[in-house]
N, C-alpha and C. Protein backbone atom coordinates (compact mmCIF):
# COMPACT_ATOMS: atom_id res chain seq x y z
N UNK A 1 99.65 70.23 104.03
CA UNK A 1 98.96 71.26 104.83
C UNK A 1 98.72 72.51 103.98
N UNK A 2 99.77 72.93 103.26
CA UNK A 2 99.65 74.15 102.43
C UNK A 2 98.62 73.95 101.33
N UNK A 3 98.73 72.86 100.61
CA UNK A 3 97.80 72.61 99.48
C UNK A 3 96.36 72.49 99.97
N UNK A 4 96.17 71.75 101.05
CA UNK A 4 94.81 71.57 101.57
C UNK A 4 94.21 72.90 102.00
N UNK A 5 95.03 73.73 102.68
CA UNK A 5 94.50 75.00 103.16
C UNK A 5 94.13 75.92 102.00
N UNK A 6 95.03 76.04 101.02
CA UNK A 6 94.75 76.93 99.88
C UNK A 6 93.52 76.44 99.11
N UNK A 7 93.42 75.14 98.92
CA UNK A 7 92.27 74.59 98.19
C UNK A 7 90.97 74.85 98.95
N UNK A 8 90.98 74.56 100.25
CA UNK A 8 89.76 74.74 101.04
C UNK A 8 89.32 76.20 101.08
N UNK A 9 90.28 77.10 101.22
CA UNK A 9 89.94 78.53 101.26
C UNK A 9 89.43 79.02 99.90
N UNK A 10 90.02 78.49 98.82
CA UNK A 10 89.59 78.89 97.48
C UNK A 10 88.16 78.43 97.22
N UNK A 11 87.82 77.23 97.66
CA UNK A 11 86.50 76.67 97.40
C UNK A 11 85.39 77.48 98.09
N UNK A 12 85.74 78.22 99.14
CA UNK A 12 84.73 78.99 99.87
C UNK A 12 84.90 80.51 99.68
N UNK A 13 85.85 80.91 98.83
CA UNK A 13 86.13 82.35 98.65
C UNK A 13 85.03 83.01 97.81
N UNK A 14 84.80 84.29 98.10
CA UNK A 14 83.91 85.07 97.25
C UNK A 14 84.63 85.35 95.93
N UNK A 15 83.88 85.73 94.89
CA UNK A 15 84.53 86.01 93.61
C UNK A 15 85.42 87.25 93.76
N UNK A 16 86.51 87.26 93.01
CA UNK A 16 87.48 88.34 93.08
C UNK A 16 87.10 89.45 92.11
N UNK A 17 86.99 90.67 92.62
CA UNK A 17 86.51 91.77 91.78
C UNK A 17 87.59 92.81 91.46
N UNK A 18 88.79 92.65 92.03
CA UNK A 18 89.85 93.62 91.76
C UNK A 18 91.22 92.99 92.01
N UNK A 19 92.25 93.64 91.47
CA UNK A 19 93.63 93.19 91.71
C UNK A 19 93.93 93.18 93.20
N UNK A 20 93.55 94.26 93.88
CA UNK A 20 93.85 94.39 95.30
C UNK A 20 93.21 93.27 96.11
N UNK A 21 91.96 92.96 95.79
CA UNK A 21 91.26 91.90 96.52
C UNK A 21 91.95 90.55 96.31
N UNK A 22 92.32 90.25 95.07
CA UNK A 22 92.98 88.97 94.77
C UNK A 22 94.32 88.87 95.49
N UNK A 23 95.10 89.95 95.46
CA UNK A 23 96.42 89.94 96.09
C UNK A 23 96.31 89.85 97.62
N UNK A 24 95.35 90.57 98.20
CA UNK A 24 95.16 90.50 99.65
C UNK A 24 94.72 89.11 100.07
N UNK A 25 93.84 88.50 99.28
CA UNK A 25 93.39 87.14 99.61
C UNK A 25 94.56 86.17 99.58
N UNK A 26 95.38 86.25 98.52
CA UNK A 26 96.54 85.36 98.43
C UNK A 26 97.48 85.56 99.62
N UNK A 27 97.78 86.81 99.94
CA UNK A 27 98.66 87.10 101.07
C UNK A 27 98.11 86.48 102.36
N UNK A 28 96.82 86.64 102.56
CA UNK A 28 96.18 86.15 103.79
C UNK A 28 96.23 84.62 103.88
N UNK A 29 95.82 83.92 102.82
CA UNK A 29 95.73 82.46 102.92
C UNK A 29 97.11 81.79 102.94
N UNK A 30 98.09 82.39 102.27
CA UNK A 30 99.44 81.82 102.30
C UNK A 30 100.07 82.03 103.68
N UNK A 31 99.85 83.19 104.28
CA UNK A 31 100.32 83.43 105.65
C UNK A 31 99.65 82.46 106.63
N UNK A 32 98.36 82.19 106.42
CA UNK A 32 97.67 81.22 107.27
C UNK A 32 98.28 79.83 107.11
N UNK A 33 98.61 79.45 105.88
CA UNK A 33 99.24 78.14 105.63
C UNK A 33 100.60 78.08 106.33
N UNK A 34 101.34 79.18 106.28
CA UNK A 34 102.63 79.23 106.97
C UNK A 34 102.44 78.99 108.47
N UNK A 35 101.42 79.65 109.05
CA UNK A 35 101.16 79.50 110.48
C UNK A 35 100.77 78.06 110.83
N UNK A 36 99.95 77.44 110.00
CA UNK A 36 99.51 76.06 110.25
C UNK A 36 100.69 75.10 110.24
N UNK A 37 101.59 75.26 109.26
CA UNK A 37 102.77 74.38 109.18
C UNK A 37 103.70 74.64 110.37
N UNK A 38 103.91 75.91 110.67
CA UNK A 38 104.80 76.28 111.77
C UNK A 38 104.27 75.70 113.09
N UNK A 39 102.96 75.82 113.33
CA UNK A 39 102.37 75.30 114.57
C UNK A 39 102.47 73.78 114.63
N UNK A 40 102.22 73.11 113.49
CA UNK A 40 102.30 71.65 113.46
C UNK A 40 103.72 71.17 113.74
N UNK A 41 104.71 71.91 113.24
CA UNK A 41 106.10 71.49 113.43
C UNK A 41 106.55 71.62 114.89
N UNK A 42 105.84 72.44 115.68
CA UNK A 42 106.19 72.60 117.09
C UNK A 42 105.53 71.53 117.96
N UNK A 43 104.57 70.82 117.39
CA UNK A 43 103.83 69.81 118.16
C UNK A 43 104.48 68.43 118.12
N UNK A 44 105.33 68.20 117.13
CA UNK A 44 105.88 66.86 116.94
C UNK A 44 107.39 66.93 116.72
N UNK A 45 108.12 66.15 117.48
CA UNK A 45 109.58 66.14 117.36
C UNK A 45 110.01 65.70 115.96
N UNK A 46 109.29 64.71 115.40
CA UNK A 46 109.65 64.20 114.08
C UNK A 46 109.38 65.21 112.96
N UNK A 47 108.51 66.19 113.24
CA UNK A 47 108.17 67.19 112.22
C UNK A 47 108.83 68.54 112.49
N UNK A 48 109.66 68.61 113.52
CA UNK A 48 110.33 69.86 113.89
C UNK A 48 111.16 70.38 112.71
N UNK A 49 110.96 71.65 112.37
CA UNK A 49 111.74 72.25 111.28
C UNK A 49 111.21 71.96 109.89
N UNK A 50 110.06 71.29 109.78
CA UNK A 50 109.55 70.98 108.44
C UNK A 50 109.07 72.27 107.76
N UNK A 51 109.14 72.27 106.45
CA UNK A 51 108.68 73.41 105.66
C UNK A 51 108.49 72.99 104.22
N UNK A 52 108.05 73.92 103.41
CA UNK A 52 107.82 73.61 102.00
C UNK A 52 107.95 74.86 101.14
N UNK A 53 108.31 74.64 99.91
CA UNK A 53 108.18 75.71 98.93
C UNK A 53 106.71 75.77 98.53
N UNK A 54 106.31 76.86 97.93
CA UNK A 54 104.91 77.00 97.51
C UNK A 54 104.86 77.91 96.29
N UNK A 55 104.23 77.44 95.24
CA UNK A 55 104.10 78.23 94.02
C UNK A 55 102.73 77.96 93.42
N UNK A 56 102.12 78.98 92.83
CA UNK A 56 100.81 78.75 92.26
C UNK A 56 100.34 79.90 91.40
N UNK A 57 99.19 79.70 90.79
CA UNK A 57 98.58 80.74 89.96
C UNK A 57 97.09 80.80 90.29
N UNK A 58 96.60 82.01 90.44
CA UNK A 58 95.17 82.26 90.66
C UNK A 58 94.63 82.92 89.39
N UNK A 59 93.73 82.24 88.71
CA UNK A 59 93.16 82.76 87.46
C UNK A 59 91.76 83.29 87.75
N UNK A 60 91.54 84.56 87.46
CA UNK A 60 90.24 85.20 87.69
C UNK A 60 89.79 85.89 86.40
N UNK A 61 88.54 86.33 86.34
CA UNK A 61 88.09 87.08 85.16
C UNK A 61 88.88 88.38 84.96
N UNK A 62 89.53 88.86 86.02
CA UNK A 62 90.28 90.13 85.95
C UNK A 62 91.76 89.93 85.65
N UNK A 63 92.21 88.68 85.63
CA UNK A 63 93.62 88.44 85.35
C UNK A 63 94.16 87.24 86.08
N UNK A 64 95.44 86.96 85.82
CA UNK A 64 96.12 85.83 86.44
C UNK A 64 97.19 86.36 87.39
N UNK A 65 97.23 85.78 88.58
CA UNK A 65 98.16 86.22 89.63
C UNK A 65 99.02 85.03 90.04
N UNK A 66 100.33 85.23 90.05
CA UNK A 66 101.22 84.15 90.45
C UNK A 66 101.78 84.46 91.83
N UNK A 67 102.10 83.39 92.56
CA UNK A 67 102.71 83.57 93.88
C UNK A 67 103.81 82.54 94.07
N UNK A 68 104.79 82.92 94.90
CA UNK A 68 105.96 82.08 95.06
C UNK A 68 106.59 82.27 96.44
N UNK A 69 106.93 81.15 97.07
CA UNK A 69 107.73 81.13 98.30
C UNK A 69 108.75 80.00 98.11
N UNK A 70 110.04 80.33 98.15
CA UNK A 70 111.06 79.30 97.99
C UNK A 70 111.62 79.24 96.58
N UNK A 71 112.01 78.04 96.15
CA UNK A 71 112.68 77.92 94.84
C UNK A 71 111.92 77.07 93.83
N UNK A 72 110.63 76.82 94.08
CA UNK A 72 109.80 76.28 93.00
C UNK A 72 109.52 77.43 92.05
N UNK A 73 109.23 77.12 90.79
CA UNK A 73 109.15 78.17 89.77
C UNK A 73 107.87 78.10 88.95
N UNK A 74 107.59 79.24 88.30
CA UNK A 74 106.57 79.31 87.25
C UNK A 74 107.23 79.84 86.00
N UNK A 75 107.05 79.10 84.91
CA UNK A 75 107.51 79.53 83.59
C UNK A 75 106.29 79.89 82.76
N UNK A 76 106.40 80.93 81.95
CA UNK A 76 105.33 81.31 81.05
C UNK A 76 105.78 81.20 79.61
N UNK A 77 104.92 80.63 78.78
CA UNK A 77 105.20 80.60 77.34
C UNK A 77 104.40 81.72 76.69
N UNK A 78 105.11 82.77 76.32
CA UNK A 78 104.54 83.90 75.57
C UNK A 78 105.14 83.77 74.17
N UNK A 79 105.62 84.85 73.60
CA UNK A 79 106.41 84.73 72.37
C UNK A 79 107.70 83.98 72.68
N UNK A 80 108.18 84.17 73.92
CA UNK A 80 109.36 83.45 74.40
C UNK A 80 108.98 82.68 75.66
N UNK A 81 109.85 81.76 76.06
CA UNK A 81 109.66 80.95 77.26
C UNK A 81 110.45 81.63 78.39
N UNK A 82 109.75 82.14 79.40
CA UNK A 82 110.42 82.93 80.43
C UNK A 82 110.07 82.43 81.83
N UNK A 83 111.04 82.53 82.73
CA UNK A 83 110.79 82.23 84.14
C UNK A 83 110.16 83.47 84.76
N UNK A 84 109.00 83.31 85.39
CA UNK A 84 108.24 84.44 85.93
C UNK A 84 108.46 84.66 87.42
N UNK A 85 109.19 83.75 88.06
CA UNK A 85 109.44 83.86 89.49
C UNK A 85 110.94 84.02 89.75
N UNK A 86 111.25 84.50 90.94
CA UNK A 86 112.64 84.62 91.39
C UNK A 86 112.83 83.66 92.56
N UNK A 87 113.83 82.80 92.47
CA UNK A 87 114.09 81.84 93.54
C UNK A 87 114.46 82.56 94.84
N UNK A 88 113.93 82.07 95.93
CA UNK A 88 114.33 82.55 97.26
C UNK A 88 115.39 81.58 97.77
N UNK A 89 116.60 81.75 97.26
CA UNK A 89 117.68 80.82 97.61
C UNK A 89 119.00 81.56 97.77
N UNK A 90 119.93 80.91 98.43
CA UNK A 90 121.25 81.48 98.68
C UNK A 90 121.96 81.81 97.37
N UNK A 91 121.92 80.88 96.38
CA UNK A 91 122.64 81.15 95.13
C UNK A 91 121.95 82.20 94.28
N UNK A 92 120.63 82.28 94.37
CA UNK A 92 119.92 83.33 93.64
C UNK A 92 120.34 84.70 94.16
N UNK A 93 120.51 84.81 95.48
CA UNK A 93 120.98 86.07 96.07
C UNK A 93 122.39 86.40 95.59
N UNK A 94 123.25 85.37 95.48
CA UNK A 94 124.62 85.60 94.99
C UNK A 94 124.61 86.08 93.54
N UNK A 95 123.73 85.51 92.71
CA UNK A 95 123.62 85.93 91.31
C UNK A 95 123.15 87.38 91.24
N UNK A 96 122.13 87.73 92.05
CA UNK A 96 121.61 89.10 92.06
C UNK A 96 122.68 90.12 92.45
N UNK A 97 123.56 89.70 93.38
CA UNK A 97 124.64 90.59 93.82
C UNK A 97 125.81 90.63 92.84
N UNK A 98 125.77 89.76 91.83
CA UNK A 98 126.85 89.72 90.85
C UNK A 98 128.08 88.97 91.33
N UNK A 99 127.94 88.18 92.41
CA UNK A 99 129.08 87.46 92.96
C UNK A 99 129.36 86.15 92.23
N UNK A 100 128.33 85.57 91.62
CA UNK A 100 128.51 84.39 90.76
C UNK A 100 127.62 84.54 89.53
N UNK A 101 127.93 83.78 88.49
CA UNK A 101 127.13 83.82 87.26
C UNK A 101 125.98 82.81 87.36
N UNK A 102 125.02 82.94 86.43
CA UNK A 102 123.90 82.00 86.37
C UNK A 102 124.43 80.58 86.13
N UNK A 103 125.45 80.46 85.31
CA UNK A 103 126.06 79.16 85.01
C UNK A 103 126.71 78.56 86.27
N UNK A 104 127.41 79.39 87.03
CA UNK A 104 128.04 78.92 88.27
C UNK A 104 127.00 78.50 89.29
N UNK A 105 125.86 79.18 89.29
CA UNK A 105 124.78 78.85 90.23
C UNK A 105 124.27 77.43 90.04
N UNK A 106 124.28 76.95 88.79
CA UNK A 106 123.78 75.60 88.49
C UNK A 106 124.57 74.52 89.21
N UNK A 107 125.85 74.79 89.50
CA UNK A 107 126.72 73.76 90.09
C UNK A 107 127.24 74.15 91.47
N UNK A 108 126.70 75.22 92.03
CA UNK A 108 127.16 75.70 93.33
C UNK A 108 126.81 74.67 94.42
N UNK A 109 127.74 74.41 95.35
CA UNK A 109 127.46 73.41 96.39
C UNK A 109 126.28 73.75 97.29
N UNK A 110 125.93 75.04 97.39
CA UNK A 110 124.79 75.44 98.23
C UNK A 110 123.55 75.80 97.41
N UNK A 111 123.43 75.24 96.22
CA UNK A 111 122.32 75.62 95.33
C UNK A 111 120.95 75.22 95.89
N UNK A 112 120.90 74.28 96.83
CA UNK A 112 119.61 73.86 97.39
C UNK A 112 119.28 74.57 98.70
N UNK A 113 120.11 75.54 99.10
CA UNK A 113 119.88 76.22 100.37
C UNK A 113 118.85 77.34 100.17
N UNK A 114 117.71 77.21 100.84
CA UNK A 114 116.64 78.20 100.71
C UNK A 114 116.83 79.35 101.70
N UNK A 115 116.38 80.53 101.30
CA UNK A 115 116.36 81.67 102.20
C UNK A 115 114.93 81.98 102.65
N UNK A 116 113.98 81.19 102.15
CA UNK A 116 112.58 81.44 102.44
C UNK A 116 111.79 80.18 102.16
N UNK A 117 110.86 79.84 103.03
CA UNK A 117 109.99 78.68 102.83
C UNK A 117 108.79 78.80 103.74
N UNK A 118 107.73 78.08 103.43
CA UNK A 118 106.55 78.07 104.29
C UNK A 118 106.79 77.19 105.50
N UNK A 119 106.46 77.70 106.68
CA UNK A 119 106.47 76.88 107.88
C UNK A 119 107.75 76.89 108.69
N UNK A 120 108.81 77.46 108.16
CA UNK A 120 110.10 77.45 108.86
C UNK A 120 110.17 78.55 109.91
N UNK A 121 109.69 79.73 109.55
CA UNK A 121 109.70 80.88 110.45
C UNK A 121 108.26 81.35 110.67
N UNK A 122 108.07 82.15 111.71
CA UNK A 122 106.71 82.62 111.98
C UNK A 122 106.27 83.71 111.01
N UNK A 123 107.22 84.30 110.28
CA UNK A 123 106.89 85.26 109.22
C UNK A 123 107.41 84.71 107.90
N UNK A 124 106.74 85.04 106.82
CA UNK A 124 107.15 84.53 105.51
C UNK A 124 107.07 85.64 104.47
N UNK A 125 108.02 85.64 103.54
CA UNK A 125 108.02 86.59 102.42
C UNK A 125 107.32 85.91 101.24
N UNK A 126 106.36 86.59 100.65
CA UNK A 126 105.60 86.01 99.53
C UNK A 126 105.69 86.95 98.34
N UNK A 127 106.12 86.43 97.20
CA UNK A 127 106.08 87.21 95.96
C UNK A 127 104.72 86.98 95.30
N UNK A 128 103.97 88.06 95.07
CA UNK A 128 102.67 87.98 94.39
C UNK A 128 102.69 88.99 93.25
N UNK A 129 102.43 88.54 92.04
CA UNK A 129 102.45 89.43 90.88
C UNK A 129 101.33 89.10 89.91
N UNK A 130 100.77 90.13 89.30
CA UNK A 130 99.82 89.93 88.20
C UNK A 130 100.66 89.79 86.93
N UNK A 131 100.33 88.80 86.12
CA UNK A 131 101.12 88.57 84.90
C UNK A 131 100.34 88.97 83.65
N UNK A 132 101.07 89.19 82.57
CA UNK A 132 100.43 89.53 81.30
C UNK A 132 99.50 88.39 80.90
N UNK A 133 98.31 88.73 80.40
CA UNK A 133 97.30 87.70 80.17
C UNK A 133 97.48 86.88 78.89
N UNK A 134 98.42 87.28 78.03
CA UNK A 134 98.50 86.63 76.73
C UNK A 134 99.45 85.43 76.70
N UNK A 135 99.65 84.79 77.85
CA UNK A 135 100.46 83.56 77.85
C UNK A 135 99.69 82.44 77.17
N UNK A 136 100.44 81.54 76.57
CA UNK A 136 99.82 80.36 75.97
C UNK A 136 99.81 79.18 76.93
N UNK A 137 100.88 79.10 77.75
CA UNK A 137 101.00 78.01 78.71
C UNK A 137 101.71 78.53 79.95
N UNK A 138 101.40 77.92 81.09
CA UNK A 138 102.13 78.17 82.32
C UNK A 138 102.60 76.83 82.86
N UNK A 139 103.86 76.78 83.25
CA UNK A 139 104.43 75.57 83.84
C UNK A 139 104.84 75.88 85.28
N UNK A 140 104.29 75.13 86.22
CA UNK A 140 104.65 75.27 87.63
C UNK A 140 105.44 74.03 88.01
N UNK A 141 106.60 74.21 88.64
CA UNK A 141 107.42 73.03 88.95
C UNK A 141 108.34 73.26 90.15
N UNK A 142 108.68 72.18 90.81
CA UNK A 142 109.65 72.22 91.89
C UNK A 142 111.06 72.15 91.30
N UNK A 143 112.06 72.36 92.16
CA UNK A 143 113.44 72.31 91.66
C UNK A 143 113.87 70.90 91.30
N UNK A 144 113.04 69.92 91.64
CA UNK A 144 113.32 68.56 91.18
C UNK A 144 113.27 68.46 89.66
N UNK A 145 112.57 69.40 89.01
CA UNK A 145 112.59 69.48 87.55
C UNK A 145 113.60 70.51 87.06
N UNK A 146 113.43 71.77 87.46
CA UNK A 146 114.24 72.83 86.83
C UNK A 146 115.72 72.77 87.18
N UNK A 147 116.09 72.08 88.27
CA UNK A 147 117.51 71.98 88.62
C UNK A 147 118.21 70.88 87.83
N UNK A 148 117.45 69.99 87.19
CA UNK A 148 118.06 68.82 86.54
C UNK A 148 117.76 68.69 85.06
N UNK A 149 116.73 69.39 84.59
CA UNK A 149 116.39 69.33 83.16
C UNK A 149 116.52 70.74 82.59
N UNK A 150 117.28 70.87 81.51
CA UNK A 150 117.54 72.19 80.93
C UNK A 150 116.25 72.82 80.40
N UNK A 151 116.21 74.16 80.45
CA UNK A 151 115.01 74.88 80.02
C UNK A 151 114.67 74.57 78.56
N UNK A 152 115.69 74.43 77.72
CA UNK A 152 115.43 74.12 76.30
C UNK A 152 114.72 72.78 76.16
N UNK A 153 115.08 71.83 76.99
CA UNK A 153 114.46 70.50 76.95
C UNK A 153 113.04 70.57 77.50
N UNK A 154 112.83 71.36 78.54
CA UNK A 154 111.49 71.55 79.10
C UNK A 154 110.57 72.18 78.05
N UNK A 155 111.08 73.20 77.37
CA UNK A 155 110.29 73.89 76.34
C UNK A 155 109.92 72.94 75.21
N UNK A 156 110.88 72.11 74.81
CA UNK A 156 110.63 71.15 73.73
C UNK A 156 109.46 70.22 74.09
N UNK A 157 109.44 69.77 75.33
CA UNK A 157 108.37 68.87 75.77
C UNK A 157 107.02 69.58 75.80
N UNK A 158 106.97 70.79 76.38
CA UNK A 158 105.65 71.43 76.50
C UNK A 158 105.13 71.93 75.16
N UNK A 159 106.02 72.07 74.17
CA UNK A 159 105.59 72.46 72.82
C UNK A 159 105.24 71.28 71.94
N UNK A 160 105.47 70.07 72.43
CA UNK A 160 105.19 68.88 71.63
C UNK A 160 103.68 68.65 71.51
N UNK A 161 103.30 67.81 70.57
CA UNK A 161 101.88 67.47 70.39
C UNK A 161 101.43 66.58 71.54
N UNK A 162 100.14 66.57 71.81
CA UNK A 162 99.61 65.64 72.80
C UNK A 162 98.96 66.33 73.99
N UNK A 163 98.45 65.51 74.87
CA UNK A 163 97.74 65.98 76.06
C UNK A 163 98.71 66.58 77.08
N UNK A 164 98.21 67.55 77.84
CA UNK A 164 99.02 68.17 78.89
C UNK A 164 99.48 67.13 79.91
N UNK A 165 98.61 66.20 80.27
CA UNK A 165 98.96 65.17 81.25
C UNK A 165 100.16 64.35 80.79
N UNK A 166 100.18 63.99 79.50
CA UNK A 166 101.30 63.20 78.97
C UNK A 166 102.60 64.00 79.02
N UNK A 167 102.52 65.30 78.77
CA UNK A 167 103.72 66.15 78.83
C UNK A 167 104.25 66.24 80.25
N UNK A 168 103.35 66.33 81.22
CA UNK A 168 103.75 66.37 82.63
C UNK A 168 104.52 65.10 82.99
N UNK A 169 103.96 63.94 82.60
CA UNK A 169 104.63 62.68 82.92
C UNK A 169 105.98 62.56 82.21
N UNK A 170 106.07 63.11 81.00
CA UNK A 170 107.34 63.08 80.27
C UNK A 170 108.39 63.93 80.99
N UNK A 171 107.98 65.08 81.49
CA UNK A 171 108.92 65.95 82.23
C UNK A 171 109.39 65.27 83.51
N UNK A 172 108.48 64.62 84.22
CA UNK A 172 108.86 63.90 85.44
C UNK A 172 109.83 62.77 85.10
N UNK A 173 109.57 62.08 84.00
CA UNK A 173 110.45 61.00 83.56
C UNK A 173 111.85 61.53 83.24
N UNK A 174 111.91 62.69 82.59
CA UNK A 174 113.21 63.29 82.27
C UNK A 174 113.97 63.67 83.54
N UNK A 175 113.26 64.18 84.55
CA UNK A 175 113.90 64.50 85.82
C UNK A 175 114.44 63.24 86.48
N UNK A 176 113.68 62.16 86.41
CA UNK A 176 114.14 60.88 86.98
C UNK A 176 115.33 60.33 86.22
N UNK A 177 115.31 60.47 84.90
CA UNK A 177 116.44 60.00 84.08
C UNK A 177 117.71 60.79 84.39
N UNK A 178 117.53 62.07 84.80
CA UNK A 178 118.68 62.92 85.14
C UNK A 178 119.22 62.58 86.53
N UNK A 179 118.63 61.61 87.19
CA UNK A 179 119.11 61.18 88.50
C UNK A 179 118.03 61.09 89.55
N UNK A 180 116.93 61.85 89.35
CA UNK A 180 115.84 61.84 90.32
C UNK A 180 116.31 62.16 91.73
N UNK A 181 117.21 63.14 91.84
CA UNK A 181 117.83 63.45 93.13
C UNK A 181 116.93 64.24 94.07
N UNK A 182 115.80 64.71 93.57
CA UNK A 182 114.92 65.53 94.40
C UNK A 182 113.47 65.21 94.05
N UNK A 183 112.56 65.54 94.97
CA UNK A 183 111.14 65.39 94.66
C UNK A 183 110.80 66.26 93.46
N UNK A 184 109.94 65.78 92.60
CA UNK A 184 109.57 66.56 91.42
C UNK A 184 108.05 66.69 91.34
N UNK A 185 107.60 67.95 91.28
CA UNK A 185 106.19 68.26 91.11
C UNK A 185 106.06 69.13 89.87
N UNK A 186 105.08 68.82 89.02
CA UNK A 186 104.90 69.54 87.76
C UNK A 186 103.41 69.74 87.49
N UNK A 187 103.04 70.98 87.17
CA UNK A 187 101.68 71.29 86.72
C UNK A 187 101.81 72.08 85.43
N UNK A 188 101.06 71.70 84.41
CA UNK A 188 101.08 72.42 83.13
C UNK A 188 99.67 72.93 82.83
N UNK A 189 99.57 74.25 82.66
CA UNK A 189 98.30 74.89 82.32
C UNK A 189 98.38 75.35 80.87
N UNK A 190 97.50 74.84 80.03
CA UNK A 190 97.49 75.21 78.62
C UNK A 190 96.16 75.87 78.29
N UNK A 191 96.21 76.99 77.58
CA UNK A 191 94.97 77.65 77.18
C UNK A 191 94.39 76.97 75.95
N UNK A 192 93.06 77.01 75.90
CA UNK A 192 92.38 76.56 74.69
C UNK A 192 92.54 77.64 73.63
N UNK A 193 92.30 77.30 72.39
CA UNK A 193 92.50 78.26 71.27
C UNK A 193 91.76 79.58 71.50
N UNK A 194 90.53 79.52 71.99
CA UNK A 194 89.74 80.74 72.16
C UNK A 194 90.15 81.58 73.36
N UNK A 195 91.05 81.07 74.19
CA UNK A 195 91.44 81.77 75.41
C UNK A 195 92.78 82.49 75.30
N UNK A 196 93.40 82.45 74.14
CA UNK A 196 94.79 82.88 74.03
C UNK A 196 95.04 84.33 74.39
N UNK A 197 94.04 85.20 74.31
CA UNK A 197 94.30 86.62 74.57
C UNK A 197 93.70 87.10 75.89
N UNK A 198 93.19 86.19 76.72
CA UNK A 198 92.58 86.66 77.95
C UNK A 198 92.86 85.76 79.10
């Protein structure tokens, strides 16, 4: 529901002429997706309580904007490989408060407990940020990847030679080899040589 709505709205959107317009559009369509999922979950007993994480990037002539709901992530490869999103999860909140370390968070029994998701509540918190344009690659992934494959291993794969599609399948394979305990979604965006600074 979320993917279909965002795609359909994007295909009919006017061109984005400012940061404010891009951010307002993202806020609007993601809130609409939340409402659609929430309404659908009230119509069917089998779908009651359903929800989803949502992460994405909007690339315009004026810049790239990332958005996040839940614990799916976006990583950017600049001079360094950095996580550009903050998880909306119980353990992420504990880390922010200084109650547990990042290392402890990896093995915490409640590490999969979300504090935010699309479709669960009638209101949703959305992180929307404009990112520096000089990234070489962006990796979007669910926790089925980042919770089971170390960042160093992820970086090694995306820096390897070959097609982006092959790297995506290799990352999914690594998540499955680590146990495949969760659904895994992976998107890799790589700039062409002439696009590296914009």
